[in-house]
Amino acid sequence: MSDWAALQSQLGTTFNDLSLLQQAFVHRSYLNENPDFKLGSNERLEFLGDALLSLVIAEFLFKEFGDLSEGELTKLRSDLVRQDSLARLASSLGLGEYLYLGQGEEKGGGRKRSRNMACTLEALLGAAFVDQGFDATQELILRLFASSISVVRQRGQASDCKSQLQELIQAERQERPVYRLVEAVGPDHDKTFWVEVMVGGETLGRGSGKSKQAAEKDAARQALERRT
């Protein structure tokens, strides 16, 4: 028999409705062989958890990395929520031990299958949302993903040229770099922006991009490269 109290202790949360937690582990194959089982499959909870996880991670990245482009943010989010990442986290939590599986799925290694692990984790988050609401589930997600987020944070900060340049300039001159739009070339739907980054009237770098933000980042990168 599954030790649901131990699982909740590991997760750092207590469900008001234990059946919701249990349903998060019901694989469709189990119901095919046990049609009278009291709970439904975890697929609807998985659907909800998938959307919720994407939202929470997207909001975190948006707030954490104010200088990254949409494409860069999308890449970081994908790294966190792709199937193999979720499966590794689910396996580290031992979620496979709690699965309700049909005999065929069991014999086929269903407790370790990557897709099953990822879907179960998403269903668990969906169940937590139904049981406890958004704020509590958001805290659960950020807690469970803390280690993965730490790795992503380091990677995102390493690619944030503007932040690196600002830290260097403030340490050396106790000033902040200023970004100045030099020109914007091309039609409205396909402009190229040119930006200079300056300190005390001195131009440190000049960059271009398809948005002002991208041009500022390129200018910061150019400034950093000149210093090496």
C-alpha atoms as a PDB file:
ATOM      1  CA  MET A   1       0.000   0.000   0.000  1.00  0.00           C
ATOM      2  CA  SER A   2       1.297   3.449  -0.907  1.00  0.00           C
ATOM      3  CA  ASP A   3       2.425   5.680   1.926  1.00  0.00           C
ATOM      4  CA  TRP A   4       0.625   8.884   0.994  1.00  0.00           C
ATOM      5  CA  ALA A   5       1.646  10.584   4.229  1.00  0.00           C
ATOM      6  CA  ALA A   6       5.311  10.054   3.374  1.00  0.00           C
ATOM      7  CA  LEU A   7       4.803  11.465  -0.109  1.00  0.00           C
ATOM      8  CA  GLN A   8       3.071  14.577   1.225  1.00  0.00           C
ATOM      9  CA  SER A   9       5.856  15.054   3.745  1.00  0.00           C
ATOM     10  CA  GLN A  10       8.415  14.821   0.968  1.00  0.00           C
ATOM     11  CA  LEU A  11       6.492  17.332  -1.128  1.00  0.00           C
ATOM     12  CA  GLY A  12       6.084  19.671   1.807  1.00  0.00           C
ATOM     13  CA  THR A  13       2.333  19.910   1.382  1.00  0.00           C
ATOM     14  CA  THR A  14      -0.806  18.318   2.825  1.00  0.00           C
ATOM     15  CA  PHE A  15      -3.842  17.661   0.657  1.00  0.00           C
ATOM     16  CA  ASN A  16      -7.287  18.487   1.985  1.00  0.00           C
ATOM     17  CA  ASP A  17      -8.769  15.860  -0.330  1.00  0.00           C
ATOM     18  CA  LEU A  18      -6.474  12.846  -0.415  1.00  0.00           C
ATOM     19  CA  SER A  19      -8.386  11.320  -3.324  1.00  0.00           C
ATOM     20  CA  LEU A  20      -7.146  14.156  -5.560  1.00  0.00           C
ATOM     21  CA  LEU A  21      -3.561  13.254  -4.756  1.00  0.00           C
ATOM     22  CA  GLN A  22      -4.278   9.584  -5.433  1.00  0.00           C
ATOM     23  CA  GLN A  23      -6.006  10.340  -8.732  1.00  0.00           C
ATOM     24  CA  ALA A  24      -2.850  12.061  -9.969  1.00  0.00           C
ATOM     25  CA  PHE A  25      -1.256   8.590 -10.062  1.00  0.00           C
ATOM     26  CA  VAL A  26      -4.000   6.679 -11.856  1.00  0.00           C
ATOM     27  CA  HIS A  27      -2.755   5.605 -15.285  1.00  0.00           C
ATOM     28  CA  ARG A  28      -5.334   4.874 -17.960  1.00  0.00           C
ATOM     29  CA  SER A  29      -4.110   1.268 -18.222  1.00  0.00           C
ATOM     30  CA  TYR A  30      -5.188   0.592 -14.641  1.00  0.00           C
ATOM     31  CA  LEU A  31      -8.765   1.645 -15.352  1.00  0.00           C
ATOM     32  CA  ASN A  32      -8.875  -0.557 -18.444  1.00  0.00           C
ATOM     33  CA  GLU A  33      -8.333  -3.528 -16.163  1.00  0.00           C
ATOM     34  CA  ASN A  34     -10.222  -2.155 -13.171  1.00  0.00           C
ATOM     35  CA  PRO A  35     -13.261  -0.342 -14.608  1.00  0.00           C
ATOM     36  CA  ASP A  36     -14.980  -0.145 -11.214  1.00  0.00           C
ATOM     37  CA  PHE A  37     -12.104   1.707  -9.545  1.00  0.00           C
ATOM     38  CA  LYS A  38     -13.410   4.691  -7.592  1.00  0.00           C
ATOM     39  CA  LEU A  39     -11.113   7.288  -9.212  1.00  0.00           C
ATOM     40  CA  GLY A  40     -10.714   8.502 -12.776  1.00  0.00           C
ATOM     41  CA  SER A  41      -7.454   8.629 -14.697  1.00  0.00           C
ATOM     42  CA  ASN A  42      -4.915  11.376 -14.164  1.00  0.00           C
ATOM     43  CA  GLU A  43      -5.231  12.775 -17.696  1.00  0.00           C
ATOM     44  CA  ARG A  44      -7.480  15.750 -16.903  1.00  0.00           C
ATOM     45  CA  LEU A  45      -5.260  16.707 -13.971  1.00  0.00           C
ATOM     46  CA  GLU A  46      -2.236  16.367 -16.235  1.00  0.00           C
ATOM     47  CA  PHE A  47      -3.814  18.805 -18.701  1.00  0.00           C
ATOM     48  CA  LEU A  48      -4.351  21.339 -15.932  1.00  0.00           C
ATOM     49  CA  GLY A  49      -0.918  20.842 -14.400  1.00  0.00           C
ATOM     50  CA  ASP A  50       0.818  21.261 -17.740  1.00  0.00           C
ATOM     51  CA  ALA A  51      -0.778  24.683 -18.284  1.00  0.00           C
ATOM     52  CA  LEU A  52      -0.161  25.752 -14.693  1.00  0.00           C
ATOM     53  CA  LEU A  53       3.491  24.724 -14.751  1.00  0.00           C
ATOM     54  CA  SER A  54       4.105  26.633 -17.962  1.00  0.00           C
ATOM     55  CA  LEU A  55       2.502  29.759 -16.494  1.00  0.00           C
ATOM     56  CA  VAL A  56       4.429  29.678 -13.218  1.00  0.00           C
ATOM     57  CA  ILE A  57       7.762  29.058 -14.901  1.00  0.00           C
ATOM     58  CA  ALA A  58       7.068  31.727 -17.538  1.00  0.00           C
ATOM     59  CA  GLU A  59       6.211  34.305 -14.861  1.00  0.00           C
ATOM     60  CA  PHE A  60       9.341  33.440 -12.888  1.00  0.00           C
ATOM     61  CA  LEU A  61      11.589  33.807 -15.927  1.00  0.00           C
ATOM     62  CA  PHE A  62       9.877  37.044 -16.996  1.00  0.00           C
ATOM     63  CA  LYS A  63      10.549  38.612 -13.599  1.00  0.00           C
ATOM     64  CA  GLU A  64      14.005  37.123 -13.136  1.00  0.00           C
ATOM     65  CA  PHE A  65      15.504  38.011 -16.507  1.00  0.00           C
ATOM     66  CA  GLY A  66      14.317  41.456 -17.525  1.00  0.00           C
ATOM     67  CA  ASP A  67      16.921  41.765 -20.256  1.00  0.00           C
ATOM     68  CA  LEU A  68      16.356  38.490 -22.113  1.00  0.00           C
ATOM     69  CA  SER A  69      14.424  38.364 -25.371  1.00  0.00           C
ATOM     70  CA  GLU A  70      11.280  36.334 -25.947  1.00  0.00           C
ATOM     71  CA  GLY A  71      13.277  33.677 -27.766  1.00  0.00           C
ATOM     72  CA  GLU A  72      15.795  33.384 -24.933  1.00  0.00           C
ATOM     73  CA  LEU A  73      13.027  33.170 -22.337  1.00  0.00           C
ATOM     74  CA  THR A  74      11.264  30.507 -24.390  1.00  0.00           C
ATOM     75  CA  LYS A  75      14.470  28.454 -24.544  1.00  0.00           C
ATOM     76  CA  LEU A  76      14.955  28.634 -20.781  1.00  0.00           C
ATOM     77  CA  ARG A  77      11.334  27.663 -20.142  1.00  0.00           C
ATOM     78  CA  SER A  78      11.633  24.740 -22.550  1.00  0.00           C
ATOM     79  CA  ASP A  79      14.714  23.502 -20.724  1.00  0.00           C
ATOM     80  CA  LEU A  80      12.771  23.465 -17.458  1.00  0.00           C
ATOM     81  CA  VAL A  81       9.489  21.909 -18.574  1.00  0.00           C
ATOM     82  CA  ARG A  82      10.446  19.507 -21.372  1.00  0.00           C
ATOM     83  CA  GLN A  83       9.568  15.848 -20.860  1.00  0.00           C
ATOM     84  CA  ASP A  84      12.984  14.534 -19.907  1.00  0.00           C
ATOM     85  CA  SER A  85      13.489  17.314 -17.337  1.00  0.00           C
ATOM     86  CA  LEU A  86      10.121  16.578 -15.732  1.00  0.00           C
ATOM     87  CA  ALA A  87      10.807  12.849 -15.815  1.00  0.00           C
ATOM     88  CA  ARG A  88      14.111  13.262 -13.992  1.00  0.00           C
ATOM     89  CA  LEU A  89      12.472  15.353 -11.297  1.00  0.00           C
ATOM     90  CA  ALA A  90       9.587  12.892 -10.937  1.00  0.00           C
ATOM     91  CA  SER A  91      12.032   9.990 -10.653  1.00  0.00           C
ATOM     92  CA  SER A  92      14.065  11.804  -8.004  1.00  0.00           C
ATOM     93  CA  LEU A  93      10.855  12.172  -5.997  1.00  0.00           C
ATOM     94  CA  GLY A  94      10.062   8.480  -6.418  1.00  0.00           C
ATOM     95  CA  LEU A  95       6.686   9.184  -7.990  1.00  0.00           C
ATOM     96  CA  GLY A  96       6.799   5.983 -10.014  1.00  0.00           C
ATOM     97  CA  GLU A  97       6.339   3.955  -6.845  1.00  0.00           C
ATOM     98  CA  TYR A  98       2.866   5.406  -6.362  1.00  0.00           C
ATOM     99  CA  LEU A  99       1.481   4.770  -9.841  1.00  0.00           C
ATOM    100  CA  TYR A 100      -1.643   2.691 -10.423  1.00  0.00           C
ATOM    101  CA  LEU A 101      -0.720   0.705 -13.544  1.00  0.00           C
ATOM    102  CA  GLY A 102      -2.298  -2.067 -15.567  1.00  0.00           C
ATOM    103  CA  GLN A 103      -0.389  -5.331 -15.653  1.00  0.00           C
ATOM    104  CA  GLY A 104       0.846  -4.825 -19.208  1.00  0.00           C
ATOM    105  CA  GLU A 105       2.109  -1.341 -18.457  1.00  0.00           C
ATOM    106  CA  GLU A 106       3.710  -2.611 -15.270  1.00  0.00           C
ATOM    107  CA  LYS A 107       5.550  -5.411 -17.058  1.00  0.00           C
ATOM    108  CA  GLY A 108       6.632  -2.993 -19.773  1.00  0.00           C
ATOM    109  CA  GLY A 109       8.521  -0.821 -17.295  1.00  0.00           C
ATOM    110  CA  GLY A 110       5.790   1.768 -16.948  1.00  0.00           C
ATOM    111  CA  ARG A 111       6.997   2.954 -13.551  1.00  0.00           C
ATOM    112  CA  LYS A 112      10.199   4.240 -15.107  1.00  0.00           C
ATOM    113  CA  ARG A 113       8.902   5.327 -18.507  1.00  0.00           C
ATOM    114  CA  SER A 114       9.808   8.948 -19.178  1.00  0.00           C
ATOM    115  CA  ARG A 115       6.392   9.951 -20.461  1.00  0.00           C
ATOM    116  CA  ASN A 116       4.606   8.388 -17.489  1.00  0.00           C
ATOM    117  CA  MET A 117       6.924  10.161 -15.063  1.00  0.00           C
ATOM    118  CA  ALA A 118       6.468  13.561 -16.698  1.00  0.00           C
ATOM    119  CA  CYS A 119       2.699  13.228 -16.989  1.00  0.00           C
ATOM    120  CA  THR A 120       2.382  12.102 -13.381  1.00  0.00           C
ATOM    121  CA  LEU A 121       4.288  15.136 -12.140  1.00  0.00           C
ATOM    122  CA  GLU A 122       2.040  17.427 -14.168  1.00  0.00           C
ATOM    123  CA  ALA A 123      -1.044  15.628 -12.836  1.00  0.00           C
ATOM    124  CA  LEU A 124       0.259  16.048  -9.307  1.00  0.00           C
ATOM    125  CA  LEU A 125       0.545  19.794  -9.832  1.00  0.00           C
ATOM    126  CA  GLY A 126      -2.935  19.888 -11.301  1.00  0.00           C
ATOM    127  CA  ALA A 127      -4.274  18.052  -8.278  1.00  0.00           C
ATOM    128  CA  ALA A 128      -2.522  20.472  -5.939  1.00  0.00           C
ATOM    129  CA  PHE A 129      -4.108  23.400  -7.770  1.00  0.00           C
ATOM    130  CA  VAL A 130      -7.621  21.953  -7.493  1.00  0.00           C
ATOM    131  CA  ASP A 131      -7.060  21.128  -3.839  1.00  0.00           C
ATOM    132  CA  GLN A 132      -5.182  24.198  -2.627  1.00  0.00           C
ATOM    133  CA  GLY A 133      -5.388  26.973  -5.213  1.00  0.00           C
ATOM    134  CA  PHE A 134      -2.855  28.902  -7.238  1.00  0.00           C
ATOM    135  CA  ASP A 135      -0.624  30.476  -4.575  1.00  0.00           C
ATOM    136  CA  ALA A 136       0.079  27.223  -2.757  1.00  0.00           C
ATOM    137  CA  THR A 137       0.726  25.387  -6.011  1.00  0.00           C
ATOM    138  CA  GLN A 138       3.029  28.125  -7.232  1.00  0.00           C
ATOM    139  CA  GLU A 139       5.064  27.739  -4.052  1.00  0.00           C
ATOM    140  CA  LEU A 140       5.130  23.972  -4.561  1.00  0.00           C
ATOM    141  CA  ILE A 141       6.368  24.320  -8.136  1.00  0.00           C
ATOM    142  CA  LEU A 142       9.125  26.775  -7.257  1.00  0.00           C
ATOM    143  CA  ARG A 143      10.179  24.560  -4.366  1.00  0.00           C
ATOM    144  CA  LEU A 144      10.275  21.372  -6.440  1.00  0.00           C
ATOM    145  CA  PHE A 145      12.083  23.096  -9.288  1.00  0.00           C
ATOM    146  CA  ALA A 146      14.503  25.034  -7.053  1.00  0.00           C
ATOM    147  CA  SER A 147      17.572  23.065  -8.131  1.00  0.00           C
ATOM    148  CA  SER A 148      16.707  23.254 -11.838  1.00  0.00           C
ATOM    149  CA  ILE A 149      15.871  26.937 -11.521  1.00  0.00           C
ATOM    150  CA  SER A 150      19.245  27.584  -9.904  1.00  0.00           C
ATOM    151  CA  VAL A 151      21.007  26.115 -12.938  1.00  0.00           C
ATOM    152  CA  VAL A 152      18.847  28.137 -15.330  1.00  0.00           C
ATOM    153  CA  ARG A 153      19.376  31.300 -13.293  1.00  0.00           C
ATOM    154  CA  GLN A 154      23.142  30.944 -13.572  1.00  0.00           C
ATOM    155  CA  ARG A 155      22.886  30.346 -17.321  1.00  0.00           C
ATOM    156  CA  GLY A 156      20.539  33.281 -17.843  1.00  0.00           C
ATOM    157  CA  GLN A 157      22.671  35.631 -15.815  1.00  0.00           C
ATOM    158  CA  ALA A 158      25.781  34.512 -17.662  1.00  0.00           C
ATOM    159  CA  SER A 159      24.131  35.539 -20.932  1.00  0.00           C
ATOM    160  CA  ASP A 160      22.895  38.859 -19.594  1.00  0.00           C
ATOM    161  CA  CYS A 161      25.547  41.170 -20.996  1.00  0.00           C
ATOM    162  CA  LYS A 162      23.831  44.306 -19.732  1.00  0.00           C
ATOM    163  CA  SER A 163      23.911  43.098 -16.143  1.00  0.00           C
ATOM    164  CA  GLN A 164      27.565  42.080 -16.424  1.00  0.00           C
ATOM    165  CA  LEU A 165      28.549  45.433 -17.885  1.00  0.00           C
ATOM    166  CA  GLN A 166      26.604  47.350 -15.271  1.00  0.00           C
ATOM    167  CA  GLU A 167      28.305  45.458 -12.434  1.00  0.00           C
ATOM    168  CA  LEU A 168      31.733  46.185 -13.907  1.00  0.00           C
ATOM    169  CA  ILE A 169      31.090  49.879 -14.475  1.00  0.00           C
ATOM    170  CA  GLN A 170      29.541  50.421 -11.063  1.00  0.00           C
ATOM    171  CA  ALA A 171      32.485  48.704  -9.403  1.00  0.00           C
ATOM    172  CA  GLU A 172      35.004  50.824 -11.307  1.00  0.00           C
ATOM    173  CA  ARG A 173      33.312  54.214 -11.579  1.00  0.00           C
ATOM    174  CA  GLN A 174      30.268  54.105  -9.320  1.00  0.00           C
ATOM    175  CA  GLU A 175      28.182  55.009 -12.369  1.00  0.00           C
ATOM    176  CA  ARG A 176      25.579  53.253 -14.459  1.00  0.00           C
ATOM    177  CA  PRO A 177      25.933  52.788 -18.214  1.00  0.00           C
ATOM    178  CA  VAL A 178      23.457  54.741 -20.340  1.00  0.00           C
ATOM    179  CA  TYR A 179      21.981  53.408 -23.567  1.00  0.00           C
ATOM    180  CA  ARG A 180      21.287  55.886 -26.370  1.00  0.00           C
ATOM    181  CA  LEU A 181      19.321  55.126 -29.511  1.00  0.00           C
ATOM    182  CA  VAL A 182      21.442  56.298 -32.449  1.00  0.00           C
ATOM    183  CA  GLU A 183      19.171  55.420 -35.346  1.00  0.00           C
ATOM    184  CA  ALA A 184      16.442  53.110 -36.569  1.00  0.00           C
ATOM    185  CA  VAL A 185      16.687  51.989 -40.188  1.00  0.00           C
ATOM    186  CA  GLY A 186      14.104  50.260 -42.369  1.00  0.00           C
ATOM    187  CA  PRO A 187      10.308  49.981 -42.655  1.00  0.00           C
ATOM    188  CA  ASP A 188       8.162  49.746 -39.539  1.00  0.00           C
ATOM    189  CA  HIS A 189       7.687  45.990 -39.888  1.00  0.00           C
ATOM    190  CA  ASP A 190      11.416  45.309 -40.283  1.00  0.00           C
ATOM    191  CA  LYS A 191      13.446  47.975 -38.514  1.00  0.00           C
ATOM    192  CA  THR A 192      17.036  47.621 -37.383  1.00  0.00           C
ATOM    193  CA  PHE A 193      17.928  49.623 -34.290  1.00  0.00           C
ATOM    194  CA  TRP A 194      21.411  50.974 -33.498  1.00  0.00           C
ATOM    195  CA  VAL A 195      22.281  51.774 -29.898  1.00  0.00           C
ATOM    196  CA  GLU A 196      25.376  53.110 -28.121  1.00  0.00           C
ATOM    197  CA  VAL A 197      26.214  52.363 -24.503  1.00  0.00           C
ATOM    198  CA  MET A 198      27.962  55.248 -22.775  1.00  0.00           C
ATOM    199  CA  VAL A 199      29.447  56.252 -19.436  1.00  0.00           C
ATOM    200  CA  GLY A 200      30.363  59.840 -18.667  1.00  0.00           C
ATOM    201  CA  GLY A 201      30.149  60.796 -22.329  1.00  0.00           C
ATOM    202  CA  GLU A 202      32.452  57.953 -23.406  1.00  0.00           C
ATOM    203  CA  THR A 203      31.081  55.402 -25.873  1.00  0.00           C
ATOM    204  CA  LEU A 204      31.884  51.911 -24.676  1.00  0.00           C
ATOM    205  CA  GLY A 205      30.118  49.923 -27.375  1.00  0.00           C
ATOM    206  CA  ARG A 206      27.711  50.143 -30.292  1.00  0.00           C
ATOM    207  CA  GLY A 207      25.244  47.417 -31.201  1.00  0.00           C
ATOM    208  CA  SER A 208      22.324  46.629 -33.465  1.00  0.00           C
ATOM    209  CA  GLY A 209      19.213  44.463 -33.340  1.00  0.00           C
ATOM    210  CA  LYS A 210      15.635  44.056 -34.459  1.00  0.00           C
ATOM    211  CA  SER A 211      14.425  45.629 -31.220  1.00  0.00           C
ATOM    212  CA  LYS A 212      15.828  48.311 -28.936  1.00  0.00           C
ATOM    213  CA  GLN A 213      16.343  45.683 -26.248  1.00  0.00           C
ATOM    214  CA  ALA A 214      18.310  43.436 -28.604  1.00  0.00           C
ATOM    215  CA  ALA A 215      20.409  46.391 -29.764  1.00  0.00           C
ATOM    216  CA  GLU A 216      21.174  47.383 -26.167  1.00  0.00           C
ATOM    217  CA  LYS A 217      22.267  43.851 -25.387  1.00  0.00           C
ATOM    218  CA  ASP A 218      24.493  43.775 -28.461  1.00  0.00           C
ATOM    219  CA  ALA A 219      26.040  47.105 -27.472  1.00  0.00           C
ATOM    220  CA  ALA A 220      26.759  45.753 -23.996  1.00  0.00           C
ATOM    221  CA  ARG A 221      28.324  42.637 -25.515  1.00  0.00           C
ATOM    222  CA  GLN A 222      30.535  44.778 -27.732  1.00  0.00           C
ATOM    223  CA  ALA A 223      31.603  46.831 -24.710  1.00  0.00           C
ATOM    224  CA  LEU A 224      32.484  43.708 -22.749  1.00  0.00           C
ATOM    225  CA  GLU A 225      34.480  42.268 -25.647  1.00  0.00           C
ATOM    226  CA  ARG A 226      36.532  45.462 -25.883  1.00  0.00           C
ATOM    227  CA  ARG A 227      37.524  45.025 -22.274  1.00  0.00           C
ATOM    228  CA  THR A 228      38.963  41.528 -22.772  1.00  0.00           C
END
